Amino acid sequence: MSLVRVHNFSISLDGFGTGEGQQLDAPFGHAGMRLMEWAFETRTFREMGIHGESAGSLGVDEAFASGWGHRIGAEVMGRNKFGPQRGPWEDEEWKGWWGDDPVFHTPVVVLTHHPRPVLEMEGGTTFHFVDADPASALEQARALAGDLDVRIGGGVSTVRQFLAADLVDHMHLVVVPIVLGRGERLWDGLEGLETRFDIEATPSPSGAVHLIFTRRRER
């Protein structure tokens, strides 16, 4: 069966995956872009058109960032990752943060209590808006992915729900050396999570620490 994976998901030292006060001009709230600065300098993110001002890094951060798209056939994301709107759709012209050719190039299942018609974009990205629990959403994503893996793209609440439902096989977390103090914390309600996974840590010269969680298999 295909794997369920999380990649390049950043959290602060105190466990927050986004800051407080998310809005259109501040998708990570008061955190600004600090949670993702490690990634902006990698070649992988620059090739996606998401980058900072340097020439890019080919080191530890790039080695991990580059795994984001390998063998991915579909993504699941929460409503808040798709856009800043809440509740019923007031603007169905909104097509996400990524422009006419989103970076995914796969089907994307967007979790929302307010489904809307399928949205086809350039480059092979198709957004499917569904009202579903994690297990049902994963079933739909797997049908769209074929034999390939499914990526859980975020945001924080979506990753936490899939972890709580014990549906994640592989997770790449990036612990960024900042303290946010407020926002949305990944680990709430996940006490004992570490017993399900083998965990490896790799530090980077950028100050980030890459954590790889691999589901333990029964022997």
C-alpha atoms as a PDB file:
ATOM      1  CA  MET A   1       0.000   0.000   0.000  1.00  0.00           C
ATOM      2  CA  SER A   2       1.141   3.552  -0.615  1.00  0.00           C
ATOM      3  CA  LEU A   3       2.751   5.489   2.215  1.00  0.00           C
ATOM      4  CA  VAL A   4       1.366   8.554   3.973  1.00  0.00           C
ATOM      5  CA  ARG A   5       4.109  11.164   4.313  1.00  0.00           C
ATOM      6  CA  VAL A   6       4.770  14.590   5.790  1.00  0.00           C
ATOM      7  CA  HIS A   7       7.676  16.624   4.388  1.00  0.00           C
ATOM      8  CA  ASN A   8       9.426  19.928   5.124  1.00  0.00           C
ATOM      9  CA  PHE A   9       7.037  20.740   7.973  1.00  0.00           C
ATOM     10  CA  SER A  10       8.573  23.411  10.195  1.00  0.00           C
ATOM     11  CA  ILE A  11       7.932  24.003  13.896  1.00  0.00           C
ATOM     12  CA  SER A  12       9.507  26.369  16.403  1.00  0.00           C
ATOM     13  CA  LEU A  13      11.535  25.260  19.426  1.00  0.00           C
ATOM     14  CA  ASP A  14       8.347  25.496  21.492  1.00  0.00           C
ATOM     15  CA  GLY A  15       6.364  23.389  19.002  1.00  0.00           C
ATOM     16  CA  PHE A  16       4.348  25.964  17.064  1.00  0.00           C
ATOM     17  CA  GLY A  17       3.806  25.340  13.340  1.00  0.00           C
ATOM     18  CA  THR A  18       2.314  28.769  12.751  1.00  0.00           C
ATOM     19  CA  GLY A  19       2.070  32.001  14.667  1.00  0.00           C
ATOM     20  CA  GLU A  20      -0.936  33.852  15.985  1.00  0.00           C
ATOM     21  CA  GLY A  21      -2.969  36.156  13.735  1.00  0.00           C
ATOM     22  CA  GLN A  22      -2.984  34.424  10.346  1.00  0.00           C
ATOM     23  CA  GLN A  23      -4.398  36.553   7.548  1.00  0.00           C
ATOM     24  CA  LEU A  24      -4.006  37.271   3.837  1.00  0.00           C
ATOM     25  CA  ASP A  25      -0.823  39.308   4.185  1.00  0.00           C
ATOM     26  CA  ALA A  26       0.556  37.125   7.009  1.00  0.00           C
ATOM     27  CA  PRO A  27      -0.061  33.426   6.244  1.00  0.00           C
ATOM     28  CA  PHE A  28       2.105  32.362   9.221  1.00  0.00           C
ATOM     29  CA  GLY A  29       0.731  35.058  11.531  1.00  0.00           C
ATOM     30  CA  HIS A  30       3.172  36.869  13.801  1.00  0.00           C
ATOM     31  CA  ALA A  31       5.866  34.307  12.906  1.00  0.00           C
ATOM     32  CA  GLY A  32       6.270  36.002   9.538  1.00  0.00           C
ATOM     33  CA  MET A  33       8.378  33.794   7.269  1.00  0.00           C
ATOM     34  CA  ARG A  34      10.859  32.796   9.982  1.00  0.00           C
ATOM     35  CA  LEU A  35       9.640  29.201  10.133  1.00  0.00           C
ATOM     36  CA  MET A  36      10.543  28.675   6.479  1.00  0.00           C
ATOM     37  CA  GLU A  37      13.769  30.632   6.136  1.00  0.00           C
ATOM     38  CA  TRP A  38      15.824  27.408   6.205  1.00  0.00           C
ATOM     39  CA  ALA A  39      13.991  26.237   3.066  1.00  0.00           C
ATOM     40  CA  PHE A  40      14.037  29.453   1.048  1.00  0.00           C
ATOM     41  CA  GLU A  41      17.769  29.089   0.416  1.00  0.00           C
ATOM     42  CA  THR A  42      17.551  25.537  -0.957  1.00  0.00           C
ATOM     43  CA  ARG A  43      17.662  24.698  -4.637  1.00  0.00           C
ATOM     44  CA  THR A  44      14.408  22.730  -4.333  1.00  0.00           C
ATOM     45  CA  PHE A  45      12.426  25.739  -3.147  1.00  0.00           C
ATOM     46  CA  ARG A  46      14.100  28.066  -5.627  1.00  0.00           C
ATOM     47  CA  GLU A  47      13.068  25.771  -8.474  1.00  0.00           C
ATOM     48  CA  MET A  48       9.493  26.042  -7.174  1.00  0.00           C
ATOM     49  CA  GLY A  49       9.810  29.830  -7.299  1.00  0.00           C
ATOM     50  CA  ILE A  50       9.861  30.131  -3.502  1.00  0.00           C
ATOM     51  CA  HIS A  51      13.142  31.573  -2.298  1.00  0.00           C
ATOM     52  CA  GLY A  52      15.114  34.241  -0.518  1.00  0.00           C
ATOM     53  CA  GLU A  53      17.890  36.397  -1.845  1.00  0.00           C
ATOM     54  CA  SER A  54      20.906  34.071  -1.703  1.00  0.00           C
ATOM     55  CA  ALA A  55      22.230  31.810  -4.432  1.00  0.00           C
ATOM     56  CA  GLY A  56      20.790  28.733  -2.740  1.00  0.00           C
ATOM     57  CA  SER A  57      22.170  25.962  -0.561  1.00  0.00           C
ATOM     58  CA  LEU A  58      23.265  22.465  -1.589  1.00  0.00           C
ATOM     59  CA  GLY A  59      23.911  21.228   1.960  1.00  0.00           C
ATOM     60  CA  VAL A  60      21.936  19.397   4.621  1.00  0.00           C
ATOM     61  CA  ASP A  61      18.790  21.480   4.165  1.00  0.00           C
ATOM     62  CA  GLU A  62      18.712  20.808   0.430  1.00  0.00           C
ATOM     63  CA  ALA A  63      19.173  17.082   0.955  1.00  0.00           C
ATOM     64  CA  PHE A  64      16.015  16.969   3.066  1.00  0.00           C
ATOM     65  CA  ALA A  65      13.992  19.533   1.128  1.00  0.00           C
ATOM     66  CA  SER A  66      14.456  17.618  -2.121  1.00  0.00           C
ATOM     67  CA  GLY A  67      12.448  14.634  -0.846  1.00  0.00           C
ATOM     68  CA  TRP A  68       9.237  16.667  -0.904  1.00  0.00           C
ATOM     69  CA  GLY A  69       7.968  15.544  -4.309  1.00  0.00           C
ATOM     70  CA  HIS A  70       9.474  12.074  -4.741  1.00  0.00           C
ATOM     71  CA  ARG A  71       6.788   9.474  -5.578  1.00  0.00           C
ATOM     72  CA  ILE A  72       3.938  11.730  -4.435  1.00  0.00           C
ATOM     73  CA  GLY A  73       0.650  11.087  -6.229  1.00  0.00           C
ATOM     74  CA  ALA A  74      -1.695  13.317  -4.220  1.00  0.00           C
ATOM     75  CA  GLU A  75      -1.701  15.768  -1.317  1.00  0.00           C
ATOM     76  CA  VAL A  76      -4.142  16.381   1.525  1.00  0.00           C
ATOM     77  CA  MET A  77      -4.252  19.889   2.980  1.00  0.00           C
ATOM     78  CA  GLY A  78      -6.486  21.810   5.342  1.00  0.00           C
ATOM     79  CA  ARG A  79      -8.680  24.732   4.389  1.00  0.00           C
ATOM     80  CA  ASN A  80      -6.342  27.187   6.132  1.00  0.00           C
ATOM     81  CA  LYS A  81      -3.394  26.118   3.993  1.00  0.00           C
ATOM     82  CA  PHE A  82      -5.374  26.695   0.816  1.00  0.00           C
ATOM     83  CA  GLY A  83      -6.311  30.239   1.748  1.00  0.00           C
ATOM     84  CA  PRO A  84      -7.188  32.792   4.428  1.00  0.00           C
ATOM     85  CA  GLN A  85     -10.993  32.544   4.158  1.00  0.00           C
ATOM     86  CA  ARG A  86     -13.066  30.957   6.913  1.00  0.00           C
ATOM     87  CA  GLY A  87     -16.636  29.669   6.875  1.00  0.00           C
ATOM     88  CA  PRO A  88     -18.732  29.718   3.677  1.00  0.00           C
ATOM     89  CA  TRP A  89     -16.807  30.705   0.560  1.00  0.00           C
ATOM     90  CA  GLU A  90     -17.284  34.407   0.004  1.00  0.00           C
ATOM     91  CA  ASP A  91     -14.845  34.477  -2.913  1.00  0.00           C
ATOM     92  CA  GLU A  92     -14.728  31.369  -5.097  1.00  0.00           C
ATOM     93  CA  GLU A  93     -12.326  33.237  -7.373  1.00  0.00           C
ATOM     94  CA  TRP A  94      -9.621  32.531  -4.786  1.00  0.00           C
ATOM     95  CA  LYS A  95      -7.403  29.769  -6.197  1.00  0.00           C
ATOM     96  CA  GLY A  96      -4.769  29.447  -3.484  1.00  0.00           C
ATOM     97  CA  TRP A  97      -1.486  31.156  -2.718  1.00  0.00           C
ATOM     98  CA  TRP A  98       0.451  29.608  -5.603  1.00  0.00           C
ATOM     99  CA  GLY A  99      -0.749  31.351  -8.779  1.00  0.00           C
ATOM    100  CA  ASP A 100      -2.117  29.730 -11.934  1.00  0.00           C
ATOM    101  CA  ASP A 101       0.441  26.889 -11.898  1.00  0.00           C
ATOM    102  CA  PRO A 102       0.635  25.604  -8.293  1.00  0.00           C
ATOM    103  CA  VAL A 103       3.717  23.710  -7.164  1.00  0.00           C
ATOM    104  CA  PHE A 104       1.922  20.410  -6.501  1.00  0.00           C
ATOM    105  CA  HIS A 105       1.280  19.084 -10.046  1.00  0.00           C
ATOM    106  CA  THR A 106      -0.925  16.369  -8.522  1.00  0.00           C
ATOM    107  CA  PRO A 107      -4.491  16.120  -7.256  1.00  0.00           C
ATOM    108  CA  VAL A 108      -4.933  17.943  -3.915  1.00  0.00           C
ATOM    109  CA  VAL A 109      -7.692  17.088  -1.426  1.00  0.00           C
ATOM    110  CA  VAL A 110      -8.664  20.213   0.526  1.00  0.00           C
ATOM    111  CA  LEU A 111     -10.484  19.565   3.812  1.00  0.00           C
ATOM    112  CA  THR A 112     -13.337  21.992   4.383  1.00  0.00           C
ATOM    113  CA  HIS A 113     -16.816  22.016   5.906  1.00  0.00           C
ATOM    114  CA  HIS A 114     -17.928  23.921   2.802  1.00  0.00           C
ATOM    115  CA  PRO A 115     -17.265  21.809  -0.315  1.00  0.00           C
ATOM    116  CA  ARG A 116     -17.134  23.556  -3.696  1.00  0.00           C
ATOM    117  CA  PRO A 117     -16.630  22.361  -7.293  1.00  0.00           C
ATOM    118  CA  VAL A 118     -13.351  20.822  -8.381  1.00  0.00           C
ATOM    119  CA  LEU A 119     -10.804  23.458  -9.370  1.00  0.00           C
ATOM    120  CA  GLU A 120      -8.474  22.538 -12.233  1.00  0.00           C
ATOM    121  CA  MET A 121      -5.242  24.488 -12.501  1.00  0.00           C
ATOM    122  CA  GLU A 122      -2.294  24.535 -14.860  1.00  0.00           C
ATOM    123  CA  GLY A 123       0.480  21.970 -14.551  1.00  0.00           C
ATOM    124  CA  GLY A 124      -1.724  19.065 -13.445  1.00  0.00           C
ATOM    125  CA  THR A 125      -2.863  20.419 -10.061  1.00  0.00           C
ATOM    126  CA  THR A 126      -6.544  19.761  -9.340  1.00  0.00           C
ATOM    127  CA  PHE A 127      -8.098  20.859  -6.042  1.00  0.00           C
ATOM    128  CA  HIS A 128     -10.889  18.641  -4.655  1.00  0.00           C
ATOM    129  CA  PHE A 129     -12.828  20.263  -1.788  1.00  0.00           C
ATOM    130  CA  VAL A 130     -14.287  17.676   0.590  1.00  0.00           C
ATOM    131  CA  ASP A 131     -15.906  17.527   4.013  1.00  0.00           C
ATOM    132  CA  ALA A 132     -14.332  14.387   5.460  1.00  0.00           C
ATOM    133  CA  ASP A 133     -12.546  12.957   8.482  1.00  0.00           C
ATOM    134  CA  PRO A 134      -8.857  12.010   8.064  1.00  0.00           C
ATOM    135  CA  ALA A 135      -9.491   8.349   7.213  1.00  0.00           C
ATOM    136  CA  SER A 136     -12.127   9.169   4.580  1.00  0.00           C
ATOM    137  CA  ALA A 137      -9.987  11.959   3.103  1.00  0.00           C
ATOM    138  CA  LEU A 138      -7.035   9.577   2.880  1.00  0.00           C
ATOM    139  CA  GLU A 139      -9.182   7.004   1.084  1.00  0.00           C
ATOM    140  CA  GLN A 140     -10.104   9.630  -1.513  1.00  0.00           C
ATOM    141  CA  ALA A 141      -6.509  10.809  -1.848  1.00  0.00           C
ATOM    142  CA  ARG A 142      -5.259   7.255  -2.355  1.00  0.00           C
ATOM    143  CA  ALA A 143      -7.800   6.723  -5.120  1.00  0.00           C
ATOM    144  CA  LEU A 144      -6.446   9.843  -6.830  1.00  0.00           C
ATOM    145  CA  ALA A 145      -2.781   8.904  -6.217  1.00  0.00           C
ATOM    146  CA  GLY A 146      -2.875   5.456  -7.781  1.00  0.00           C
ATOM    147  CA  ASP A 147       0.175   3.469  -6.673  1.00  0.00           C
ATOM    148  CA  LEU A 148       2.044   6.566  -5.480  1.00  0.00           C
ATOM    149  CA  ASP A 149       2.277   8.016  -1.960  1.00  0.00           C
ATOM    150  CA  VAL A 150       0.048  10.616  -0.323  1.00  0.00           C
ATOM    151  CA  ARG A 151       1.576  13.727   1.249  1.00  0.00           C
ATOM    152  CA  ILE A 152      -0.108  15.425   4.202  1.00  0.00           C
ATOM    153  CA  GLY A 153       0.768  19.028   3.472  1.00  0.00           C
ATOM    154  CA  GLY A 154      -0.580  20.857   6.495  1.00  0.00           C
ATOM    155  CA  GLY A 155      -1.404  23.100   8.139  1.00  0.00           C
ATOM    156  CA  VAL A 156      -0.793  22.313  11.753  1.00  0.00           C
ATOM    157  CA  SER A 157      -4.287  21.101  12.603  1.00  0.00           C
ATOM    158  CA  THR A 158      -4.397  18.771   9.603  1.00  0.00           C
ATOM    159  CA  VAL A 159      -1.030  17.147  10.383  1.00  0.00           C
ATOM    160  CA  ARG A 160      -2.032  16.791  14.042  1.00  0.00           C
ATOM    161  CA  GLN A 161      -5.337  15.130  13.109  1.00  0.00           C
ATOM    162  CA  PHE A 162      -3.618  12.593  10.862  1.00  0.00           C
ATOM    163  CA  LEU A 163      -1.070  11.838  13.580  1.00  0.00           C
ATOM    164  CA  ALA A 164      -3.836  11.442  16.169  1.00  0.00           C
ATOM    165  CA  ALA A 165      -5.602   9.002  13.839  1.00  0.00           C
ATOM    166  CA  ASP A 166      -2.327   7.038  13.458  1.00  0.00           C
ATOM    167  CA  LEU A 167      -2.339   7.422   9.676  1.00  0.00           C
ATOM    168  CA  VAL A 168       1.189   8.783   9.100  1.00  0.00           C
ATOM    169  CA  ASP A 169       3.985   6.412   8.002  1.00  0.00           C
ATOM    170  CA  HIS A 170       6.844   8.871   7.465  1.00  0.00           C
ATOM    171  CA  MET A 171       7.277  12.414   8.791  1.00  0.00           C
ATOM    172  CA  HIS A 172      10.010  14.976   8.176  1.00  0.00           C
ATOM    173  CA  LEU A 173       9.853  17.780  10.733  1.00  0.00           C
ATOM    174  CA  VAL A 174      12.208  20.733  10.804  1.00  0.00           C
ATOM    175  CA  VAL A 175      12.795  22.278  14.237  1.00  0.00           C
ATOM    176  CA  VAL A 176      13.697  25.916  13.594  1.00  0.00           C
ATOM    177  CA  PRO A 177      15.724  27.836  16.238  1.00  0.00           C
ATOM    178  CA  ILE A 178      13.061  30.405  17.112  1.00  0.00           C
ATOM    179  CA  VAL A 179      10.615  30.689  20.024  1.00  0.00           C
ATOM    180  CA  LEU A 180       7.131  31.874  18.995  1.00  0.00           C
ATOM    181  CA  GLY A 181       5.314  31.679  22.326  1.00  0.00           C
ATOM    182  CA  ARG A 182       1.862  31.621  20.719  1.00  0.00           C
ATOM    183  CA  GLY A 183       0.071  30.299  17.682  1.00  0.00           C
ATOM    184  CA  GLU A 184      -0.946  26.731  16.841  1.00  0.00           C
ATOM    185  CA  ARG A 185       1.102  23.967  18.463  1.00  0.00           C
ATOM    186  CA  LEU A 186       1.648  20.656  16.704  1.00  0.00           C
ATOM    187  CA  TRP A 187       2.110  18.390  19.718  1.00  0.00           C
ATOM    188  CA  ASP A 188      -1.076  19.151  21.694  1.00  0.00           C
ATOM    189  CA  GLY A 189      -2.969  15.928  22.417  1.00  0.00           C
ATOM    190  CA  LEU A 190      -0.218  13.687  20.993  1.00  0.00           C
ATOM    191  CA  GLU A 191       1.393  12.443  24.227  1.00  0.00           C
ATOM    192  CA  GLY A 192       3.382   9.240  23.649  1.00  0.00           C
ATOM    193  CA  LEU A 193       3.597   9.750  19.879  1.00  0.00           C
ATOM    194  CA  GLU A 194       7.301   8.868  19.944  1.00  0.00           C
ATOM    195  CA  THR A 195       6.531   5.234  20.808  1.00  0.00           C
ATOM    196  CA  ARG A 196       5.070   4.686  17.324  1.00  0.00           C
ATOM    197  CA  PHE A 197       8.147   5.807  15.406  1.00  0.00           C
ATOM    198  CA  ASP A 198      11.864   5.356  15.031  1.00  0.00           C
ATOM    199  CA  ILE A 199      13.295   8.896  15.139  1.00  0.00           C
ATOM    200  CA  GLU A 200      16.533  10.239  13.667  1.00  0.00           C
ATOM    201  CA  ALA A 201      17.875  13.777  14.070  1.00  0.00           C
ATOM    202  CA  THR A 202      20.251  15.605  11.730  1.00  0.00           C
ATOM    203  CA  PRO A 203      21.462  19.139  12.548  1.00  0.00           C
ATOM    204  CA  SER A 204      22.104  21.685   9.810  1.00  0.00           C
ATOM    205  CA  PRO A 205      24.541  24.621   9.723  1.00  0.00           C
ATOM    206  CA  SER A 206      21.471  26.819   9.226  1.00  0.00           C
ATOM    207  CA  GLY A 207      20.539  26.092  12.847  1.00  0.00           C
ATOM    208  CA  ALA A 208      17.600  23.866  11.927  1.00  0.00           C
ATOM    209  CA  VAL A 209      17.355  20.264  13.078  1.00  0.00           C
ATOM    210  CA  HIS A 210      15.754  17.745  10.719  1.00  0.00           C
ATOM    211  CA  LEU A 211      13.760  15.007  12.468  1.00  0.00           C
ATOM    212  CA  ILE A 212      12.737  11.908  10.542  1.00  0.00           C
ATOM    213  CA  PHE A 213       9.922   9.838  12.046  1.00  0.00           C
ATOM    214  CA  THR A 214       9.542   6.355  10.503  1.00  0.00           C
ATOM    215  CA  ARG A 215       6.671   4.134  11.591  1.00  0.00           C
ATOM    216  CA  ARG A 216       7.816   1.130  13.611  1.00  0.00           C
ATOM    217  CA  ARG A 217       6.868  -2.164  12.009  1.00  0.00           C
ATOM    218  CA  GLU A 218       5.971  -5.264  13.988  1.00  0.00           C
ATOM    219  CA  ARG A 219       8.773  -7.807  13.876  1.00  0.00           C
END
